[in-house]
């Protein structure tokens, strides 16, 4: 039985819908979704107490790069 607050269930749903979206969306979206998946996995690791500085720094770099890229479009 799936718990409503199960982060792995949410992650699996995100991955499945992302895979479906890749069929019709521009190819670059697949890369964006993979990066988003990495960030979500790191968030789960942190919530469960398994994320070390390497993963937390990686997530920071992901966020910094995303923010830098999105500023170009504002």
Protein backbone atom coordinates (compact mmCIF):
# COMPACT_ATOMS: atom_id res chain seq x y z
CA UNK A 1 0.00 0.00 0.00
CA UNK A 2 1.29 3.45 -0.92
CA UNK A 3 1.56 6.05 1.77
CA UNK A 4 0.27 9.47 0.77
CA UNK A 5 3.50 11.11 1.88
CA UNK A 6 5.86 8.52 0.32
CA UNK A 7 8.55 10.52 -1.50
CA UNK A 8 9.55 7.50 -3.59
CA UNK A 9 5.99 7.14 -4.91
CA UNK A 10 6.04 10.80 -5.94
CA UNK A 11 9.44 10.32 -7.57
CA UNK A 12 8.30 7.25 -9.51
CA UNK A 13 5.21 9.12 -10.71
CA UNK A 14 7.37 12.06 -11.78
CA UNK A 15 9.73 9.76 -13.70
CA UNK A 16 6.85 7.96 -15.42
CA UNK A 17 5.11 11.16 -16.50
CA UNK A 18 8.46 12.60 -17.60
CA UNK A 19 9.08 9.56 -19.78
CA UNK A 20 5.67 9.99 -21.36
CA UNK A 21 6.30 13.68 -21.92
CA UNK A 22 9.56 12.96 -23.73
CA UNK A 23 7.59 11.36 -26.56
CA UNK A 24 6.01 14.65 -27.64
CA UNK A 25 8.08 17.39 -26.01
CA UNK A 26 11.28 18.95 -27.36
CA UNK A 27 14.31 16.71 -26.73
CA UNK A 28 15.98 19.22 -24.42
CA UNK A 29 13.14 18.77 -21.91
CA UNK A 30 14.37 15.23 -21.26
CA UNK A 31 17.67 16.62 -19.99
CA UNK A 32 15.88 19.13 -17.79
CA UNK A 33 13.71 16.39 -16.33
CA UNK A 34 16.74 14.22 -15.56
CA UNK A 35 18.35 17.12 -13.70
CA UNK A 36 15.10 17.67 -11.80
CA UNK A 37 15.06 13.96 -10.94
CA UNK A 38 18.59 14.24 -9.53
CA UNK A 39 17.50 17.12 -7.34
CA UNK A 40 14.47 15.20 -6.11
CA UNK A 41 16.61 12.18 -5.23
CA UNK A 42 18.99 14.39 -3.27
CA UNK A 43 16.03 15.93 -1.44
CA UNK A 44 14.84 12.45 -0.44
CA UNK A 45 18.35 11.51 0.69
CA UNK A 46 18.43 14.64 2.83
CA UNK A 47 15.00 13.98 4.34
CA UNK A 48 16.07 10.43 5.21
CA UNK A 49 19.38 11.59 6.70
CA UNK A 50 21.62 10.07 4.00
CA UNK A 51 22.75 13.17 2.11
CA UNK A 52 26.32 14.18 2.79
CA UNK A 53 28.08 17.39 1.79
CA UNK A 54 28.80 16.04 -1.69
CA UNK A 55 25.11 15.62 -2.50
CA UNK A 56 24.07 18.86 -0.83
CA UNK A 57 26.74 20.78 -2.76
CA UNK A 58 25.64 19.10 -5.97
CA UNK A 59 22.06 20.22 -5.34
CA UNK A 60 23.30 23.75 -4.68
CA UNK A 61 25.17 23.72 -7.99
CA UNK A 62 22.05 22.48 -9.78
CA UNK A 63 20.00 25.29 -8.27
CA UNK A 64 22.65 27.92 -8.97
CA UNK A 65 22.93 26.87 -12.60
CA UNK A 66 19.14 26.74 -13.04
CA UNK A 67 18.79 30.21 -11.55
CA UNK A 68 21.57 31.54 -13.73
CA UNK A 69 19.96 30.11 -16.87
CA UNK A 70 16.43 31.24 -16.06
CA UNK A 71 17.58 34.82 -15.40
CA UNK A 72 18.54 34.97 -19.06
CA UNK A 73 14.88 34.51 -20.00
CA UNK A 74 13.42 37.13 -17.66
